Full PDB file with SEQRES, HELIX, SHEET, SSBOND, CRYST1, ORIGX, SCALE, CONECT and MASTER records, all heavy atoms in Angstrom:
SEQRES   1 A   40  LEU THR ALA GLU VAL MET ASP ASP ALA ARG LEU LEU ILE          
SEQRES   2 A   40  ILE PRO TRP ASN GLU MET GLU LYS MET ILE ILE GLU ARG          
SEQRES   3 A   40  PRO SER LEU ALA ILE LYS ILE ILE GLU ALA LEU SER LYS          
SEQRES   4 A   40  LYS                                                          
HELIX    1 AA1 TRP A   16  GLU A   25  1                                  10    
HELIX    2 AA2 PRO A   27  LYS A   39  1                                  13    
CRYST1    1.000    1.000    1.000  90.00  90.00  90.00 P 1           1          
ORIGX1      1.000000  0.000000  0.000000        0.00000                         
ORIGX2      0.000000  1.000000  0.000000        0.00000                         
ORIGX3      0.000000  0.000000  1.000000        0.00000                         
SCALE1      1.000000  0.000000  0.000000        0.00000                         
SCALE2      0.000000  1.000000  0.000000        0.00000                         
SCALE3      0.000000  0.000000  1.000000        0.00000                         
ATOM      1  N   LEU A   1      -5.297  11.303  -9.384  1.00  0.00           N  
ATOM      2  CA  LEU A   1      -5.339  12.284  -8.315  1.00  0.00           C  
ATOM      3  C   LEU A   1      -3.920  12.869  -8.102  1.00  0.00           C  
ATOM      4  O   LEU A   1      -2.924  12.224  -8.431  1.00  0.00           O  
ATOM      5  CB  LEU A   1      -5.820  11.694  -6.999  1.00  0.00           C  
ATOM      6  CG  LEU A   1      -7.170  10.938  -7.039  1.00  0.00           C  
ATOM      7  CD1 LEU A   1      -7.400  10.226  -5.762  1.00  0.00           C  
ATOM      8  CD2 LEU A   1      -8.296  11.937  -7.323  1.00  0.00           C  
ATOM      9  N   THR A   2      -3.861  14.015  -7.407  1.00  0.00           N  
ATOM     10  CA  THR A   2      -2.594  14.583  -6.911  1.00  0.00           C  
ATOM     11  C   THR A   2      -2.533  14.397  -5.421  1.00  0.00           C  
ATOM     12  O   THR A   2      -3.585  14.574  -4.716  1.00  0.00           O  
ATOM     13  CB  THR A   2      -2.498  16.060  -7.224  1.00  0.00           C  
ATOM     14  OG1 THR A   2      -2.417  16.227  -8.685  1.00  0.00           O  
ATOM     15  CG2 THR A   2      -1.335  16.753  -6.568  1.00  0.00           C  
ATOM     16  N   ALA A   3      -1.436  13.883  -4.918  1.00  0.00           N  
ATOM     17  CA  ALA A   3      -1.198  13.812  -3.454  1.00  0.00           C  
ATOM     18  C   ALA A   3      -0.203  14.834  -2.994  1.00  0.00           C  
ATOM     19  O   ALA A   3       0.898  14.899  -3.455  1.00  0.00           O  
ATOM     20  CB  ALA A   3      -0.667  12.432  -3.125  1.00  0.00           C  
ATOM     21  N   GLU A   4      -0.696  15.691  -2.101  1.00  0.00           N  
ATOM     22  CA  GLU A   4       0.108  16.854  -1.573  1.00  0.00           C  
ATOM     23  C   GLU A   4       0.167  16.823  -0.025  1.00  0.00           C  
ATOM     24  O   GLU A   4      -0.879  16.558   0.611  1.00  0.00           O  
ATOM     25  CB  GLU A   4      -0.494  18.129  -2.095  1.00  0.00           C  
ATOM     26  CG  GLU A   4       0.310  19.367  -1.630  1.00  0.00           C  
ATOM     27  CD  GLU A   4      -0.298  20.656  -2.149  1.00  0.00           C  
ATOM     28  OE1 GLU A   4      -1.180  20.598  -3.027  1.00  0.00           O  
ATOM     29  OE2 GLU A   4       0.126  21.752  -1.706  1.00  0.00           O  
ATOM     30  N   VAL A   5       1.306  17.074   0.494  1.00  0.00           N  
ATOM     31  CA  VAL A   5       1.540  17.063   1.921  1.00  0.00           C  
ATOM     32  C   VAL A   5       0.993  18.274   2.595  1.00  0.00           C  
ATOM     33  O   VAL A   5       1.343  19.387   2.174  1.00  0.00           O  
ATOM     34  CB  VAL A   5       3.032  16.838   2.276  1.00  0.00           C  
ATOM     35  CG1 VAL A   5       3.232  16.903   3.780  1.00  0.00           C  
ATOM     36  CG2 VAL A   5       3.522  15.524   1.717  1.00  0.00           C  
ATOM     37  N   MET A   6       0.122  18.171   3.602  1.00  0.00           N  
ATOM     38  CA  MET A   6      -0.401  19.294   4.356  1.00  0.00           C  
ATOM     39  C   MET A   6       0.424  19.611   5.604  1.00  0.00           C  
ATOM     40  O   MET A   6       0.591  20.798   5.938  1.00  0.00           O  
ATOM     41  CB  MET A   6      -1.863  18.987   4.762  1.00  0.00           C  
ATOM     42  CG  MET A   6      -2.793  18.758   3.548  1.00  0.00           C  
ATOM     43  SD  MET A   6      -4.478  18.489   4.073  1.00  0.00           S  
ATOM     44  CE  MET A   6      -4.947  20.096   4.673  1.00  0.00           C  
ATOM     45  N   ASP A   7       0.925  18.613   6.215  1.00  0.00           N  
ATOM     46  CA  ASP A   7       1.858  18.716   7.344  1.00  0.00           C  
ATOM     47  C   ASP A   7       3.038  17.802   7.024  1.00  0.00           C  
ATOM     48  O   ASP A   7       2.909  16.831   6.315  1.00  0.00           O  
ATOM     49  CB  ASP A   7       1.249  18.315   8.686  1.00  0.00           C  
ATOM     50  CG  ASP A   7       0.220  19.336   9.210  1.00  0.00           C  
ATOM     51  OD1 ASP A   7       0.328  20.463   8.861  1.00  0.00           O  
ATOM     52  OD2 ASP A   7      -0.694  18.952   9.958  1.00  0.00           O  
ATOM     53  N   ASP A   8       4.220  18.174   7.558  1.00  0.00           N  
ATOM     54  CA  ASP A   8       5.369  17.333   7.320  1.00  0.00           C  
ATOM     55  C   ASP A   8       4.971  15.870   7.603  1.00  0.00           C  
ATOM     56  O   ASP A   8       4.343  15.557   8.538  1.00  0.00           O  
ATOM     57  CB  ASP A   8       6.499  17.679   8.280  1.00  0.00           C  
ATOM     58  CG  ASP A   8       7.155  19.062   7.890  1.00  0.00           C  
ATOM     59  OD1 ASP A   8       6.682  19.574   6.893  1.00  0.00           O  
ATOM     60  OD2 ASP A   8       8.014  19.577   8.701  1.00  0.00           O  
ATOM     61  N   ALA A   9       5.354  14.997   6.639  1.00  0.00           N  
ATOM     62  CA  ALA A   9       4.880  13.623   6.648  1.00  0.00           C  
ATOM     63  C   ALA A   9       6.018  12.650   6.471  1.00  0.00           C  
ATOM     64  O   ALA A   9       7.016  12.911   5.794  1.00  0.00           O  
ATOM     65  CB  ALA A   9       3.801  13.408   5.540  1.00  0.00           C  
ATOM     66  N   ARG A  10       5.803  11.492   7.016  1.00  0.00           N  
ATOM     67  CA  ARG A  10       6.723  10.366   6.845  1.00  0.00           C  
ATOM     68  C   ARG A  10       5.953   9.214   6.193  1.00  0.00           C  
ATOM     69  O   ARG A  10       4.887   8.829   6.673  1.00  0.00           O  
ATOM     70  CB  ARG A  10       7.421   9.841   8.124  1.00  0.00           C  
ATOM     71  CG  ARG A  10       8.344   8.772   7.920  1.00  0.00           C  
ATOM     72  CD  ARG A  10       8.972   8.240   9.192  1.00  0.00           C  
ATOM     73  NE  ARG A  10      10.017   7.274   8.897  1.00  0.00           N  
ATOM     74  CZ  ARG A  10      10.637   6.551   9.861  1.00  0.00           C  
ATOM     75  NH1 ARG A  10      10.270   6.771  11.134  1.00  0.00           N  
ATOM     76  NH2 ARG A  10      11.533   5.715   9.579  1.00  0.00           N  
ATOM     77  N   LEU A  11       6.488   8.709   5.049  1.00  0.00           N  
ATOM     78  CA  LEU A  11       5.802   7.638   4.319  1.00  0.00           C  
ATOM     79  C   LEU A  11       6.695   6.370   4.263  1.00  0.00           C  
ATOM     80  O   LEU A  11       7.910   6.516   4.232  1.00  0.00           O  
ATOM     81  CB  LEU A  11       5.455   8.134   2.936  1.00  0.00           C  
ATOM     82  CG  LEU A  11       4.628   9.366   2.740  1.00  0.00           C  
ATOM     83  CD1 LEU A  11       4.451   9.715   1.273  1.00  0.00           C  
ATOM     84  CD2 LEU A  11       3.270   9.188   3.398  1.00  0.00           C  
ATOM     85  N   LEU A  12       6.040   5.269   4.243  1.00  0.00           N  
ATOM     86  CA  LEU A  12       6.705   3.995   3.851  1.00  0.00           C  
ATOM     87  C   LEU A  12       6.147   3.719   2.395  1.00  0.00           C  
ATOM     88  O   LEU A  12       4.943   3.747   2.132  1.00  0.00           O  
ATOM     89  CB  LEU A  12       6.336   2.880   4.794  1.00  0.00           C  
ATOM     90  CG  LEU A  12       6.992   2.910   6.145  1.00  0.00           C  
ATOM     91  CD1 LEU A  12       6.553   1.750   7.064  1.00  0.00           C  
ATOM     92  CD2 LEU A  12       8.520   2.942   6.039  1.00  0.00           C  
ATOM     93  N   ILE A  13       7.114   3.401   1.528  1.00  0.00           N  
ATOM     94  CA  ILE A  13       6.791   3.264   0.102  1.00  0.00           C  
ATOM     95  C   ILE A  13       7.196   1.861  -0.417  1.00  0.00           C  
ATOM     96  O   ILE A  13       8.316   1.451  -0.102  1.00  0.00           O  
ATOM     97  CB  ILE A  13       7.493   4.384  -0.744  1.00  0.00           C  
ATOM     98  CG1 ILE A  13       7.026   5.762  -0.146  1.00  0.00           C  
ATOM     99  CG2 ILE A  13       7.166   4.236  -2.165  1.00  0.00           C  
ATOM    100  CD1 ILE A  13       7.884   6.905  -0.718  1.00  0.00           C  
ATOM    101  N   ILE A  14       6.308   1.246  -1.134  1.00  0.00           N  
ATOM    102  CA  ILE A  14       6.620  -0.045  -1.770  1.00  0.00           C  
ATOM    103  C   ILE A  14       6.391  -0.007  -3.237  1.00  0.00           C  
ATOM    104  O   ILE A  14       5.315   0.264  -3.678  1.00  0.00           O  
ATOM    105  CB  ILE A  14       5.712  -1.199  -1.163  1.00  0.00           C  
ATOM    106  CG1 ILE A  14       5.814  -1.240   0.353  1.00  0.00           C  
ATOM    107  CG2 ILE A  14       6.087  -2.550  -1.755  1.00  0.00           C  
ATOM    108  CD1 ILE A  14       4.948  -2.315   0.973  1.00  0.00           C  
ATOM    109  N   PRO A  15       7.468  -0.130  -4.070  1.00  0.00           N  
ATOM    110  CA  PRO A  15       7.302  -0.169  -5.500  1.00  0.00           C  
ATOM    111  C   PRO A  15       6.450  -1.309  -5.902  1.00  0.00           C  
ATOM    112  O   PRO A  15       6.422  -2.359  -5.272  1.00  0.00           O  
ATOM    113  CB  PRO A  15       8.734  -0.294  -6.006  1.00  0.00           C  
ATOM    114  CG  PRO A  15       9.648   0.162  -4.866  1.00  0.00           C  
ATOM    115  CD  PRO A  15       8.873  -0.190  -3.595  1.00  0.00           C  
ATOM    116  N   TRP A  16       5.637  -1.100  -7.036  1.00  0.00           N  
ATOM    117  CA  TRP A  16       4.712  -2.112  -7.395  1.00  0.00           C  
ATOM    118  C   TRP A  16       5.335  -3.443  -7.729  1.00  0.00           C  
ATOM    119  O   TRP A  16       4.785  -4.516  -7.431  1.00  0.00           O  
ATOM    120  CB  TRP A  16       3.890  -1.619  -8.608  1.00  0.00           C  
ATOM    121  CG  TRP A  16       2.975  -2.721  -9.176  1.00  0.00           C  
ATOM    122  CD1 TRP A  16       2.978  -3.185 -10.466  1.00  0.00           C  
ATOM    123  CD2 TRP A  16       2.000  -3.473  -8.499  1.00  0.00           C  
ATOM    124  NE1 TRP A  16       2.106  -4.138 -10.603  1.00  0.00           N  
ATOM    125  CE2 TRP A  16       1.426  -4.358  -9.359  1.00  0.00           C  
ATOM    126  CE3 TRP A  16       1.546  -3.452  -7.150  1.00  0.00           C  
ATOM    127  CZ2 TRP A  16       0.467  -5.282  -9.113  1.00  0.00           C  
ATOM    128  CZ3 TRP A  16       0.501  -4.341  -6.837  1.00  0.00           C  
ATOM    129  CH2 TRP A  16      -0.039  -5.212  -7.800  1.00  0.00           C  
ATOM    130  N   ASN A  17       6.499  -3.480  -8.381  1.00  0.00           N  
ATOM    131  CA  ASN A  17       7.084  -4.737  -8.743  1.00  0.00           C  
ATOM    132  C   ASN A  17       7.439  -5.592  -7.473  1.00  0.00           C  
ATOM    133  O   ASN A  17       7.299  -6.788  -7.497  1.00  0.00           O  
ATOM    134  CB  ASN A  17       8.332  -4.587  -9.581  1.00  0.00           C  
ATOM    135  CG  ASN A  17       9.381  -3.727  -8.869  1.00  0.00           C  
ATOM    136  OD1 ASN A  17       9.107  -2.828  -8.093  1.00  0.00           O  
ATOM    137  ND2 ASN A  17      10.685  -4.058  -9.152  1.00  0.00           N  
ATOM    138  N   GLU A  18       7.779  -4.896  -6.367  1.00  0.00           N  
ATOM    139  CA  GLU A  18       8.071  -5.623  -5.118  1.00  0.00           C  
ATOM    140  C   GLU A  18       6.759  -6.020  -4.498  1.00  0.00           C  
ATOM    141  O   GLU A  18       6.676  -7.132  -3.910  1.00  0.00           O  
ATOM    142  CB  GLU A  18       8.865  -4.705  -4.174  1.00  0.00           C  
ATOM    143  CG  GLU A  18      10.207  -4.240  -4.728  1.00  0.00           C  
ATOM    144  CD  GLU A  18      11.159  -5.418  -4.945  1.00  0.00           C  
ATOM    145  OE1 GLU A  18      10.993  -6.447  -4.345  1.00  0.00           O  
ATOM    146  OE2 GLU A  18      12.083  -5.242  -5.785  1.00  0.00           O  
ATOM    147  N   MET A  19       5.739  -5.144  -4.586  1.00  0.00           N  
ATOM    148  CA  MET A  19       4.452  -5.472  -3.972  1.00  0.00           C  
ATOM    149  C   MET A  19       3.882  -6.684  -4.676  1.00  0.00           C  
ATOM    150  O   MET A  19       3.276  -7.597  -4.060  1.00  0.00           O  
ATOM    151  CB  MET A  19       3.576  -4.274  -4.140  1.00  0.00           C  
ATOM    152  CG  MET A  19       2.273  -4.340  -3.322  1.00  0.00           C  
ATOM    153  SD  MET A  19       2.543  -4.046  -1.593  1.00  0.00           S  
ATOM    154  CE  MET A  19       1.444  -5.220  -0.846  1.00  0.00           C  
ATOM    155  N   GLU A  20       3.972  -6.737  -6.023  1.00  0.00           N  
ATOM    156  CA  GLU A  20       3.404  -7.870  -6.765  1.00  0.00           C  
ATOM    157  C   GLU A  20       4.062  -9.237  -6.343  1.00  0.00           C  
ATOM    158  O   GLU A  20       3.368 -10.221  -6.173  1.00  0.00           O  
ATOM    159  CB  GLU A  20       3.630  -7.626  -8.240  1.00  0.00           C  
ATOM    160  CG  GLU A  20       2.849  -8.574  -9.136  1.00  0.00           C  
ATOM    161  CD  GLU A  20       2.958  -8.148 -10.576  1.00  0.00           C  
ATOM    162  OE1 GLU A  20       4.032  -7.579 -10.982  1.00  0.00           O  
ATOM    163  OE2 GLU A  20       2.045  -8.430 -11.375  1.00  0.00           O  
ATOM    164  N   LYS A  21       5.363  -9.178  -6.125  1.00  0.00           N  
ATOM    165  CA  LYS A  21       6.099 -10.416  -5.673  1.00  0.00           C  
ATOM    166  C   LYS A  21       5.600 -10.891  -4.358  1.00  0.00           C  
ATOM    167  O   LYS A  21       5.338 -12.030  -4.095  1.00  0.00           O  
ATOM    168  CB  LYS A  21       7.591 -10.136  -5.625  1.00  0.00           C  
ATOM    169  CG  LYS A  21       8.228  -9.893  -6.984  1.00  0.00           C  
ATOM    170  CD  LYS A  21       9.708  -9.564  -6.812  1.00  0.00           C  
ATOM    171  CE  LYS A  21      10.347  -9.177  -8.169  1.00  0.00           C  
ATOM    172  NZ  LYS A  21      11.748  -8.737  -7.947  1.00  0.00           N  
ATOM    173  N   MET A  22       5.384  -9.867  -3.419  1.00  0.00           N  
ATOM    174  CA  MET A  22       4.895 -10.227  -2.071  1.00  0.00           C  
ATOM    175  C   MET A  22       3.497 -10.771  -2.068  1.00  0.00           C  
ATOM    176  O   MET A  22       3.194 -11.738  -1.340  1.00  0.00           O  
ATOM    177  CB  MET A  22       5.007  -8.994  -1.164  1.00  0.00           C  
ATOM    178  CG  MET A  22       6.405  -8.577  -0.760  1.00  0.00           C  
ATOM    179  SD  MET A  22       6.419  -7.344   0.507  1.00  0.00           S  
ATOM    180  CE  MET A  22       5.818  -5.929  -0.401  1.00  0.00           C  
ATOM    181  N   ILE A  23       2.628 -10.232  -2.900  1.00  0.00           N  
ATOM    182  CA  ILE A  23       1.267 -10.710  -2.967  1.00  0.00           C  
ATOM    183  C   ILE A  23       1.189 -12.117  -3.455  1.00  0.00           C  
ATOM    184  O   ILE A  23       0.431 -12.978  -2.972  1.00  0.00           O  
ATOM    185  CB  ILE A  23       0.432  -9.726  -3.815  1.00  0.00           C  
ATOM    186  CG1 ILE A  23       0.212  -8.396  -3.150  1.00  0.00           C  
ATOM    187  CG2 ILE A  23      -0.930 -10.341  -4.206  1.00  0.00           C  
ATOM    188  CD1 ILE A  23      -0.519  -7.369  -4.010  1.00  0.00           C  
ATOM    189  N   ILE A  24       2.086 -12.440  -4.428  1.00  0.00           N  
ATOM    190  CA  ILE A  24       2.097 -13.778  -4.955  1.00  0.00           C  
ATOM    191  C   ILE A  24       2.615 -14.773  -3.889  1.00  0.00           C  
ATOM    192  O   ILE A  24       2.104 -15.852  -3.749  1.00  0.00           O  
ATOM    193  CB  ILE A  24       2.986 -13.842  -6.238  1.00  0.00           C  
ATOM    194  CG1 ILE A  24       2.290 -13.011  -7.364  1.00  0.00           C  
ATOM    195  CG2 ILE A  24       3.221 -15.273  -6.704  1.00  0.00           C  
ATOM    196  CD1 ILE A  24       3.186 -12.863  -8.602  1.00  0.00           C  
ATOM    197  N   GLU A  25       3.628 -14.319  -3.171  1.00  0.00           N  
ATOM    198  CA  GLU A  25       4.282 -15.137  -2.204  1.00  0.00           C  
ATOM    199  C   GLU A  25       3.432 -15.274  -0.922  1.00  0.00           C  
ATOM    200  O   GLU A  25       3.325 -16.326  -0.300  1.00  0.00           O  
ATOM    201  CB  GLU A  25       5.634 -14.584  -1.776  1.00  0.00           C  
ATOM    202  CG  GLU A  25       6.386 -15.446  -0.822  1.00  0.00           C  
ATOM    203  CD  GLU A  25       7.755 -14.871  -0.520  1.00  0.00           C  
ATOM    204  OE1 GLU A  25       8.278 -14.112  -1.359  1.00  0.00           O  
ATOM    205  OE2 GLU A  25       8.348 -15.226   0.533  1.00  0.00           O  
ATOM    206  N   ARG A  26       2.752 -14.131  -0.558  1.00  0.00           N  
ATOM    207  CA  ARG A  26       1.941 -14.088   0.701  1.00  0.00           C  
ATOM    208  C   ARG A  26       0.535 -13.479   0.362  1.00  0.00           C  
ATOM    209  O   ARG A  26       0.320 -12.293   0.595  1.00  0.00           O  
ATOM    210  CB  ARG A  26       2.565 -13.242   1.731  1.00  0.00           C  
ATOM    211  CG  ARG A  26       3.877 -13.918   2.346  1.00  0.00           C  
ATOM    212  CD  ARG A  26       3.473 -14.821   3.457  1.00  0.00           C  
ATOM    213  NE  ARG A  26       4.628 -15.417   4.120  1.00  0.00           N  
ATOM    214  CZ  ARG A  26       4.562 -16.014   5.268  1.00  0.00           C  
ATOM    215  NH1 ARG A  26       3.440 -16.092   5.918  1.00  0.00           N  
ATOM    216  NH2 ARG A  26       5.631 -16.558   5.802  1.00  0.00           N  
ATOM    217  N   PRO A  27      -0.395 -14.244  -0.135  1.00  0.00           N  
ATOM    218  CA  PRO A  27      -1.752 -13.713  -0.441  1.00  0.00           C  
ATOM    219  C   PRO A  27      -2.402 -13.044   0.711  1.00  0.00           C  
ATOM    220  O   PRO A  27      -3.231 -12.164   0.591  1.00  0.00           O  
ATOM    221  CB  PRO A  27      -2.529 -14.899  -0.945  1.00  0.00           C  
ATOM    222  CG  PRO A  27      -1.476 -15.906  -1.427  1.00  0.00           C  
ATOM    223  CD  PRO A  27      -0.298 -15.634  -0.534  1.00  0.00           C  
ATOM    224  N   SER A  28      -2.052 -13.499   1.946  1.00  0.00           N  
ATOM    225  CA  SER A  28      -2.675 -12.911   3.186  1.00  0.00           C  
ATOM    226  C   SER A  28      -2.364 -11.428   3.300  1.00  0.00           C  
ATOM    227  O   SER A  28      -3.148 -10.650   3.844  1.00  0.00           O  
ATOM    228  CB  SER A  28      -2.217 -13.602   4.404  1.00  0.00           C  
ATOM    229  OG  SER A  28      -0.816 -13.564   4.496  1.00  0.00           O  
ATOM    230  N   LEU A  29      -1.236 -10.986   2.751  1.00  0.00           N  
ATOM    231  CA  LEU A  29      -0.908  -9.543   2.754  1.00  0.00           C  
ATOM    232  C   LEU A  29      -1.863  -8.783   1.917  1.00  0.00           C  
ATOM    233  O   LEU A  29      -2.325  -7.698   2.280  1.00  0.00           O  
ATOM    234  CB  LEU A  29       0.554  -9.348   2.184  1.00  0.00           C  
ATOM    235  CG  LEU A  29       1.691  -9.467   3.127  1.00  0.00           C  
ATOM    236  CD1 LEU A  29       2.977  -9.317   2.414  1.00  0.00           C  
ATOM    237  CD2 LEU A  29       1.607  -8.473   4.230  1.00  0.00           C  
ATOM    238  N   ALA A  30      -2.237  -9.310   0.754  1.00  0.00           N  
ATOM    239  CA  ALA A  30      -3.165  -8.637  -0.077  1.00  0.00           C  
ATOM    240  C   ALA A  30      -4.541  -8.427   0.578  1.00  0.00           C  
ATOM    241  O   ALA A  30      -5.146  -7.383   0.457  1.00  0.00           O  
ATOM    242  CB  ALA A  30      -3.413  -9.408  -1.407  1.00  0.00           C  
ATOM    243  N   ILE A  31      -4.960  -9.430   1.296  1.00  0.00           N  
ATOM    244  CA  ILE A  31      -6.252  -9.372   2.013  1.00  0.00           C  
ATOM    245  C   ILE A  31      -6.209  -8.224   3.040  1.00  0.00           C  
ATOM    246  O   ILE A  31      -7.163  -7.462   3.171  1.00  0.00           O  
ATOM    247  CB  ILE A  31      -6.615 -10.729   2.713  1.00  0.00           C  
ATOM    248  CG1 ILE A  31      -6.877 -11.771   1.586  1.00  0.00           C  
ATOM    249  CG2 ILE A  31      -7.809 -10.576   3.589  1.00  0.00           C  
ATOM    250  CD1 ILE A  31      -7.041 -13.140   2.165  1.00  0.00           C  
ATOM    251  N   LYS A  32      -5.151  -8.112   3.785  1.00  0.00           N  
ATOM    252  CA  LYS A  32      -5.029  -7.093   4.871  1.00  0.00           C  
ATOM    253  C   LYS A  32      -5.025  -5.715   4.210  1.00  0.00           C  
ATOM    254  O   LYS A  32      -5.563  -4.769   4.756  1.00  0.00           O  
ATOM    255  CB  LYS A  32      -3.816  -7.336   5.729  1.00  0.00           C  
ATOM    256  CG  LYS A  32      -3.934  -8.617   6.581  1.00  0.00           C  
ATOM    257  CD  LYS A  32      -2.664  -8.902   7.385  1.00  0.00           C  
ATOM    258  CE  LYS A  32      -2.959 -10.044   8.367  1.00  0.00           C  
ATOM    259  NZ  LYS A  32      -2.251 -11.272   8.089  1.00  0.00           N  
ATOM    260  N   ILE A  33      -4.328  -5.551   3.098  1.00  0.00           N  
ATOM    261  CA  ILE A  33      -4.241  -4.231   2.438  1.00  0.00           C  
ATOM    262  C   ILE A  33      -5.600  -3.885   1.854  1.00  0.00           C  
ATOM    263  O   ILE A  33      -6.081  -2.766   1.955  1.00  0.00           O  
ATOM    264  CB  ILE A  33      -3.187  -4.202   1.345  1.00  0.00           C  
ATOM    265  CG1 ILE A  33      -1.778  -4.409   1.984  1.00  0.00           C  
ATOM    266  CG2 ILE A  33      -3.262  -3.049   0.491  1.00  0.00           C  
ATOM    267  CD1 ILE A  33      -0.676  -4.567   1.029  1.00  0.00           C  
ATOM    268  N   ILE A  34      -6.309  -4.840   1.280  1.00  0.00           N  
ATOM    269  CA  ILE A  34      -7.643  -4.588   0.738  1.00  0.00           C  
ATOM    270  C   ILE A  34      -8.583  -4.175   1.816  1.00  0.00           C  
ATOM    271  O   ILE A  34      -9.454  -3.261   1.652  1.00  0.00           O  
ATOM    272  CB  ILE A  34      -8.166  -5.862   0.018  1.00  0.00           C  
ATOM    273  CG1 ILE A  34      -7.420  -6.063  -1.301  1.00  0.00           C  
ATOM    274  CG2 ILE A  34      -9.637  -5.703  -0.311  1.00  0.00           C  
ATOM    275  CD1 ILE A  34      -7.675  -7.388  -1.908  1.00  0.00           C  
ATOM    276  N   GLU A  35      -8.502  -4.781   3.015  1.00  0.00           N  
ATOM    277  CA  GLU A  35      -9.307  -4.385   4.109  1.00  0.00           C  
ATOM    278  C   GLU A  35      -9.087  -2.930   4.488  1.00  0.00           C  
ATOM    279  O   GLU A  35     -10.050  -2.166   4.766  1.00  0.00           O  
ATOM    280  CB  GLU A  35      -9.026  -5.268   5.321  1.00  0.00           C  
ATOM    281  CG  GLU A  35      -9.572  -6.664   5.193  1.00  0.00           C  
ATOM    282  CD  GLU A  35      -9.080  -7.598   6.367  1.00  0.00           C  
ATOM    283  OE1 GLU A  35      -8.217  -7.157   7.159  1.00  0.00           O  
ATOM    284  OE2 GLU A  35      -9.654  -8.744   6.451  1.00  0.00           O  
ATOM    285  N   ALA A  36      -7.860  -2.533   4.505  1.00  0.00           N  
ATOM    286  CA  ALA A  36      -7.497  -1.092   4.821  1.00  0.00           C  
ATOM    287  C   ALA A  36      -8.045  -0.119   3.736  1.00  0.00           C  
ATOM    288  O   ALA A  36      -8.581   0.941   4.043  1.00  0.00           O  
ATOM    289  CB  ALA A  36      -6.001  -0.915   4.954  1.00  0.00           C  
ATOM    290  N   LEU A  37      -7.945  -0.569   2.462  1.00  0.00           N  
ATOM    291  CA  LEU A  37      -8.402   0.284   1.405  1.00  0.00           C  
ATOM    292  C   LEU A  37      -9.941   0.443   1.345  1.00  0.00           C  
ATOM    293  O   LEU A  37     -10.464   1.442   0.885  1.00  0.00           O  
ATOM    294  CB  LEU A  37      -7.961  -0.292   0.027  1.00  0.00           C  
ATOM    295  CG  LEU A  37      -6.414  -0.209  -0.232  1.00  0.00           C  
ATOM    296  CD1 LEU A  37      -6.073  -0.980  -1.509  1.00  0.00           C  
ATOM    297  CD2 LEU A  37      -5.936   1.232  -0.248  1.00  0.00           C  
ATOM    298  N   SER A  38     -10.590  -0.540   1.874  1.00  0.00           N  
ATOM    299  CA  SER A  38     -12.102  -0.467   1.930  1.00  0.00           C  
ATOM    300  C   SER A  38     -12.603   0.724   2.744  1.00  0.00           C  
ATOM    301  O   SER A  38     -13.674   1.295   2.483  1.00  0.00           O  
ATOM    302  CB  SER A  38     -12.672  -1.781   2.541  1.00  0.00           C  
ATOM    303  OG  SER A  38     -12.355  -1.885   3.909  1.00  0.00           O  
ATOM    304  N   LYS A  39     -11.845   1.221   3.736  1.00  0.00           N  
ATOM    305  CA  LYS A  39     -12.133   2.394   4.488  1.00  0.00           C  
ATOM    306  C   LYS A  39     -12.298   3.602   3.578  1.00  0.00           C  
ATOM    307  O   LYS A  39     -13.243   4.324   3.644  1.00  0.00           O  
ATOM    308  CB  LYS A  39     -11.081   2.698   5.591  1.00  0.00           C  
ATOM    309  CG  LYS A  39     -11.287   3.968   6.261  1.00  0.00           C  
ATOM    310  CD  LYS A  39     -10.092   4.248   7.230  1.00  0.00           C  
ATOM    311  CE  LYS A  39     -10.262   5.644   7.800  1.00  0.00           C  
ATOM    312  NZ  LYS A  39      -9.048   5.999   8.661  1.00  0.00           N  
ATOM    313  N   LYS A  40     -11.298   3.747   2.624  1.00  0.00           N  
ATOM    314  CA  LYS A  40     -11.363   4.914   1.743  1.00  0.00           C  
ATOM    315  C   LYS A  40     -12.526   4.777   0.750  1.00  0.00           C  
ATOM    316  O   LYS A  40     -13.207   5.797   0.428  1.00  0.00           O  
ATOM    317  CB  LYS A  40     -10.016   4.972   0.964  1.00  0.00           C  
ATOM    318  CG  LYS A  40      -9.926   6.289   0.150  1.00  0.00           C  
ATOM    319  CD  LYS A  40      -8.731   6.231  -0.826  1.00  0.00           C  
ATOM    320  CE  LYS A  40      -7.478   5.940  -0.206  1.00  0.00           C  
ATOM    321  NZ  LYS A  40      -6.364   5.895  -1.180  1.00  0.00           N  
TER     322      LYS A  40                                                      
MASTER        0    0    0    2    0    0    0    6  321    1    0    4          
END                                                                             
């Protein structure tokens, strides 16, 4: 997909290599993110 800004936006961004380390260290983070993604 293409992601395009419709109104001025502020984002928080996590590179995948950092995200992968966090998920391994804190699996509870992965669960919370998966819950949010289920909405989409």
